[in-house]
């Protein structure tokens, strides 16, 4: 499945889960924690949308933001055909941009 499809699917699942939690249609032991987690994930996606697509992809892969799996440096550098130094630069730039956002 492509990254965009995974993100859309995850977002729909989060919104459906959020709706169930709000309407008490869930068997969650900790609905407040679940709601906070869903809102956090939605906020992370909103922040990532302010980055360039490559920066988004790399942060999602490195921090496991799409499927929960944190890809290793060699896996990411191989997928994008970049060096470890280039990967580090892209990560630093993206994280610095996030730090500068007025959210």
N, C-alpha and C. Protein backbone atom coordinates (compact mmCIF):
# COMPACT_ATOMS: atom_id res chain seq x y z
N UNK A 1 0.85 -1.18 0.00
CA UNK A 1 0.00 0.00 0.00
C UNK A 1 0.89 1.24 0.00
N UNK A 2 0.54 2.23 -0.79
CA UNK A 2 1.30 3.46 -0.90
C UNK A 2 1.16 4.30 0.37
N UNK A 3 2.14 5.19 0.60
CA UNK A 3 2.14 6.03 1.79
C UNK A 3 0.87 6.85 1.90
N UNK A 4 0.44 7.47 0.81
CA UNK A 4 -0.77 8.31 0.84
C UNK A 4 -2.00 7.50 1.23
N UNK A 5 -2.08 6.28 0.69
CA UNK A 5 -3.21 5.41 1.02
C UNK A 5 -3.16 5.02 2.49
N UNK A 6 -1.97 4.72 3.00
CA UNK A 6 -1.81 4.37 4.41
C UNK A 6 -2.21 5.54 5.31
N UNK A 7 -1.78 6.74 4.95
CA UNK A 7 -2.12 7.91 5.75
C UNK A 7 -3.62 8.17 5.75
N UNK A 8 -4.25 8.07 4.58
CA UNK A 8 -5.70 8.29 4.49
C UNK A 8 -6.44 7.24 5.31
N UNK A 9 -6.01 5.99 5.20
CA UNK A 9 -6.65 4.91 5.94
C UNK A 9 -6.49 5.14 7.44
N UNK A 10 -5.29 5.51 7.87
CA UNK A 10 -5.04 5.75 9.28
C UNK A 10 -5.86 6.92 9.79
N UNK A 11 -5.97 7.97 8.99
CA UNK A 11 -6.75 9.13 9.40
C UNK A 11 -8.23 8.78 9.53
N UNK A 12 -8.76 8.02 8.58
CA UNK A 12 -10.16 7.60 8.67
C UNK A 12 -10.39 6.73 9.90
N UNK A 13 -9.46 5.81 10.15
CA UNK A 13 -9.58 4.97 11.34
C UNK A 13 -9.54 5.80 12.61
N UNK A 14 -8.66 6.79 12.65
CA UNK A 14 -8.57 7.66 13.83
C UNK A 14 -9.86 8.45 14.02
N UNK A 15 -10.40 8.99 12.93
CA UNK A 15 -11.64 9.77 13.03
C UNK A 15 -12.81 8.89 13.46
N UNK A 16 -12.87 7.66 12.93
CA UNK A 16 -13.93 6.73 13.33
C UNK A 16 -13.79 6.36 14.81
N UNK A 17 -12.56 6.11 15.22
CA UNK A 17 -12.30 5.78 16.63
C UNK A 17 -12.66 6.96 17.53
N UNK A 18 -12.30 8.17 17.10
CA UNK A 18 -12.61 9.38 17.86
C UNK A 18 -14.13 9.52 18.01
N UNK A 19 -14.85 9.31 16.91
CA UNK A 19 -16.31 9.43 16.96
C UNK A 19 -16.90 8.40 17.93
N UNK A 20 -16.42 7.17 17.90
CA UNK A 20 -16.90 6.15 18.83
C UNK A 20 -16.62 6.54 20.27
N UNK A 21 -15.42 7.07 20.51
CA UNK A 21 -15.05 7.46 21.88
C UNK A 21 -15.95 8.59 22.38
N UNK A 22 -16.20 9.57 21.51
CA UNK A 22 -17.04 10.71 21.89
C UNK A 22 -18.46 10.25 22.20
N UNK A 23 -18.95 9.30 21.42
CA UNK A 23 -20.32 8.82 21.59
C UNK A 23 -20.43 7.64 22.55
N UNK A 24 -19.34 7.34 23.26
CA UNK A 24 -19.31 6.22 24.21
C UNK A 24 -19.67 4.89 23.57
N UNK A 25 -19.34 4.71 22.30
CA UNK A 25 -19.59 3.46 21.59
C UNK A 25 -18.32 2.62 21.53
N UNK A 26 -17.65 2.49 22.64
CA UNK A 26 -16.42 1.73 22.68
C UNK A 26 -16.32 1.04 24.02
N UNK A 27 -15.52 0.02 24.06
CA UNK A 27 -15.31 -0.70 25.31
C UNK A 27 -13.96 -0.33 25.93
N UNK A 28 -13.49 0.84 25.65
CA UNK A 28 -12.21 1.30 26.15
C UNK A 28 -12.26 1.46 27.67
N UNK A 29 -11.19 1.04 28.32
CA UNK A 29 -11.06 1.23 29.77
C UNK A 29 -10.69 2.66 30.11
N UNK A 30 -10.03 3.33 29.19
CA UNK A 30 -9.55 4.69 29.41
C UNK A 30 -9.93 5.59 28.23
N UNK A 31 -11.21 5.93 28.08
CA UNK A 31 -11.61 6.71 26.91
C UNK A 31 -10.94 8.08 26.83
N UNK A 32 -10.68 8.72 27.95
CA UNK A 32 -10.03 10.04 27.92
C UNK A 32 -8.62 9.93 27.35
N UNK A 33 -7.91 8.89 27.74
CA UNK A 33 -6.56 8.68 27.21
C UNK A 33 -6.63 8.35 25.72
N UNK A 34 -7.58 7.55 25.33
CA UNK A 34 -7.74 7.21 23.92
C UNK A 34 -8.06 8.44 23.08
N UNK A 35 -8.94 9.29 23.59
CA UNK A 35 -9.27 10.53 22.88
C UNK A 35 -8.03 11.40 22.74
N UNK A 36 -7.27 11.55 23.81
CA UNK A 36 -6.05 12.36 23.76
C UNK A 36 -5.07 11.80 22.74
N UNK A 37 -4.94 10.48 22.68
CA UNK A 37 -4.03 9.84 21.74
C UNK A 37 -4.46 10.10 20.30
N UNK A 38 -5.75 9.97 20.01
CA UNK A 38 -6.26 10.22 18.66
C UNK A 38 -6.03 11.68 18.29
N UNK A 39 -6.32 12.60 19.20
CA UNK A 39 -6.11 14.03 18.91
C UNK A 39 -4.63 14.33 18.68
N UNK A 40 -3.76 13.69 19.43
CA UNK A 40 -2.32 13.88 19.24
C UNK A 40 -1.90 13.42 17.85
N UNK A 41 -2.38 12.26 17.43
CA UNK A 41 -2.04 11.75 16.10
C UNK A 41 -2.53 12.70 15.01
N UNK A 42 -3.73 13.23 15.18
CA UNK A 42 -4.25 14.17 14.19
C UNK A 42 -3.42 15.45 14.15
N UNK A 43 -2.98 15.92 15.32
CA UNK A 43 -2.14 17.11 15.39
C UNK A 43 -0.78 16.86 14.73
N UNK A 44 -0.23 15.69 14.92
CA UNK A 44 1.05 15.34 14.29
C UNK A 44 0.90 15.37 12.77
N UNK A 45 -0.19 14.82 12.26
CA UNK A 45 -0.41 14.84 10.81
C UNK A 45 -0.54 16.27 10.29
N UNK A 46 -1.21 17.12 11.05
CA UNK A 46 -1.37 18.53 10.66
C UNK A 46 0.00 19.21 10.57
N UNK A 47 0.87 18.93 11.52
CA UNK A 47 2.22 19.50 11.52
C UNK A 47 3.02 18.96 10.34
N UNK A 48 2.96 17.67 10.11
CA UNK A 48 3.71 17.06 9.01
C UNK A 48 3.30 17.63 7.67
N UNK A 49 2.05 18.01 7.53
CA UNK A 49 1.57 18.57 6.26
C UNK A 49 2.23 19.89 5.91
N UNK A 50 2.90 20.51 6.85
CA UNK A 50 3.60 21.77 6.60
C UNK A 50 5.01 21.54 6.04
N UNK A 51 5.44 20.29 6.00
CA UNK A 51 6.77 19.94 5.49
C UNK A 51 6.70 19.52 4.03
N UNK A 52 7.86 19.49 3.39
CA UNK A 52 7.97 18.98 2.04
C UNK A 52 7.71 17.47 2.05
N UNK A 53 7.21 16.91 0.95
CA UNK A 53 6.88 15.48 0.92
C UNK A 53 8.04 14.57 1.34
N UNK A 54 9.25 14.84 0.90
CA UNK A 54 10.39 14.00 1.28
C UNK A 54 10.64 14.09 2.78
N UNK A 55 10.53 15.27 3.34
CA UNK A 55 10.73 15.45 4.78
C UNK A 55 9.64 14.69 5.55
N UNK A 56 8.41 14.77 5.08
CA UNK A 56 7.31 14.03 5.70
C UNK A 56 7.59 12.54 5.68
N UNK A 57 7.95 12.04 4.51
CA UNK A 57 8.20 10.61 4.36
C UNK A 57 9.29 10.14 5.30
N UNK A 58 10.37 10.88 5.34
CA UNK A 58 11.52 10.46 6.15
C UNK A 58 11.18 10.49 7.64
N UNK A 59 10.52 11.53 8.11
CA UNK A 59 10.16 11.57 9.53
C UNK A 59 9.16 10.46 9.86
N UNK A 60 8.20 10.23 8.96
CA UNK A 60 7.23 9.16 9.20
C UNK A 60 7.92 7.80 9.28
N UNK A 61 8.86 7.57 8.39
CA UNK A 61 9.57 6.29 8.41
C UNK A 61 10.47 6.16 9.64
N UNK A 62 11.23 7.19 9.92
CA UNK A 62 12.20 7.11 11.02
C UNK A 62 11.53 7.01 12.39
N UNK A 63 10.37 7.66 12.56
CA UNK A 63 9.70 7.68 13.85
C UNK A 63 8.47 6.77 13.91
N UNK A 64 8.24 5.98 12.87
CA UNK A 64 7.14 5.02 12.88
C UNK A 64 5.77 5.65 12.90
N UNK A 65 5.60 6.76 12.21
CA UNK A 65 4.34 7.50 12.28
C UNK A 65 3.27 6.99 11.34
N UNK A 66 3.61 6.09 10.45
CA UNK A 66 2.59 5.56 9.53
C UNK A 66 2.07 4.22 10.05
N UNK A 67 2.96 3.29 10.22
CA UNK A 67 2.55 1.93 10.56
C UNK A 67 3.10 1.45 11.89
N UNK A 68 3.73 2.35 12.66
CA UNK A 68 4.26 1.97 13.96
C UNK A 68 5.66 1.37 13.90
N UNK A 69 6.17 1.14 12.70
CA UNK A 69 7.52 0.58 12.54
C UNK A 69 8.50 1.71 12.28
N UNK A 70 9.53 1.81 13.11
CA UNK A 70 10.58 2.81 12.92
C UNK A 70 11.67 2.21 12.04
N UNK A 71 11.77 2.73 10.84
CA UNK A 71 12.75 2.22 9.88
C UNK A 71 14.16 2.62 10.30
N UNK A 72 15.11 1.77 10.00
CA UNK A 72 16.50 2.04 10.32
C UNK A 72 17.10 3.01 9.31
N UNK A 73 18.23 3.57 9.68
CA UNK A 73 18.93 4.48 8.75
C UNK A 73 19.22 3.78 7.43
N UNK A 74 19.80 2.57 7.45
CA UNK A 74 20.06 1.90 6.16
C UNK A 74 18.79 1.65 5.34
N UNK A 75 17.68 1.34 5.97
CA UNK A 75 16.44 1.12 5.23
C UNK A 75 15.98 2.40 4.53
N UNK A 76 16.07 3.52 5.22
CA UNK A 76 15.62 4.79 4.65
C UNK A 76 16.57 5.25 3.56
N UNK A 77 17.88 5.17 3.82
CA UNK A 77 18.84 5.62 2.81
C UNK A 77 18.75 4.77 1.54
N UNK A 78 18.47 3.49 1.71
CA UNK A 78 18.34 2.62 0.54
C UNK A 78 17.07 2.96 -0.25
N UNK A 79 15.97 3.18 0.45
CA UNK A 79 14.70 3.49 -0.23
C UNK A 79 14.81 4.77 -1.04
N UNK A 80 15.48 5.79 -0.50
CA UNK A 80 15.55 7.09 -1.18
C UNK A 80 16.88 7.32 -1.90
N UNK A 81 17.74 6.33 -1.86
CA UNK A 81 19.04 6.41 -2.55
C UNK A 81 19.79 7.67 -2.14
N UNK A 82 19.92 7.86 -0.82
CA UNK A 82 20.65 9.00 -0.27
C UNK A 82 21.67 8.49 0.73
N UNK A 83 22.65 9.33 1.05
CA UNK A 83 23.67 8.94 2.01
C UNK A 83 23.16 9.16 3.44
N UNK A 84 23.88 8.61 4.41
CA UNK A 84 23.53 8.82 5.82
C UNK A 84 23.60 10.30 6.16
N UNK A 85 24.60 10.99 5.61
CA UNK A 85 24.74 12.43 5.87
C UNK A 85 23.54 13.21 5.31
N UNK A 86 23.12 12.85 4.10
CA UNK A 86 21.96 13.53 3.50
C UNK A 86 20.70 13.27 4.33
N UNK A 87 20.56 12.04 4.80
CA UNK A 87 19.42 11.70 5.64
C UNK A 87 19.43 12.54 6.91
N UNK A 88 20.59 12.64 7.53
CA UNK A 88 20.72 13.45 8.75
C UNK A 88 20.36 14.91 8.51
N UNK A 89 20.81 15.44 7.38
CA UNK A 89 20.49 16.83 7.03
C UNK A 89 18.99 17.04 6.85
N UNK A 90 18.35 16.11 6.15
CA UNK A 90 16.91 16.22 5.91
C UNK A 90 16.15 16.13 7.23
N UNK A 91 16.54 15.19 8.09
CA UNK A 91 15.88 15.06 9.39
C UNK A 91 16.05 16.33 10.22
N UNK A 92 17.28 16.83 10.30
CA UNK A 92 17.54 18.04 11.09
C UNK A 92 16.74 19.23 10.57
N UNK A 93 16.75 19.40 9.25
CA UNK A 93 16.01 20.52 8.65
C UNK A 93 14.52 20.42 8.98
N UNK A 94 13.96 19.23 8.82
CA UNK A 94 12.54 19.05 9.08
C UNK A 94 12.21 19.28 10.56
N UNK A 95 13.02 18.75 11.44
CA UNK A 95 12.77 18.94 12.87
C UNK A 95 12.93 20.40 13.28
N UNK A 96 13.89 21.08 12.68
CA UNK A 96 14.05 22.52 12.97
C UNK A 96 12.86 23.32 12.47
N UNK A 97 12.33 22.96 11.30
CA UNK A 97 11.14 23.64 10.78
C UNK A 97 9.96 23.44 11.74
N UNK A 98 9.81 22.23 12.25
CA UNK A 98 8.73 21.94 13.19
C UNK A 98 8.89 22.78 14.46
N UNK A 99 10.13 22.89 14.95
CA UNK A 99 10.38 23.68 16.15
C UNK A 99 10.01 25.15 15.95
N UNK A 100 10.17 25.64 14.72
CA UNK A 100 9.90 27.05 14.43
C UNK A 100 8.42 27.35 14.20
N UNK A 101 7.60 26.32 14.03
CA UNK A 101 6.18 26.54 13.77
C UNK A 101 5.52 27.19 14.98
N UNK A 102 4.63 28.09 14.72
CA UNK A 102 3.86 28.75 15.77
C UNK A 102 2.53 28.02 15.92
N UNK A 103 2.55 27.00 16.72
CA UNK A 103 1.35 26.16 16.88
C UNK A 103 0.78 26.35 18.26
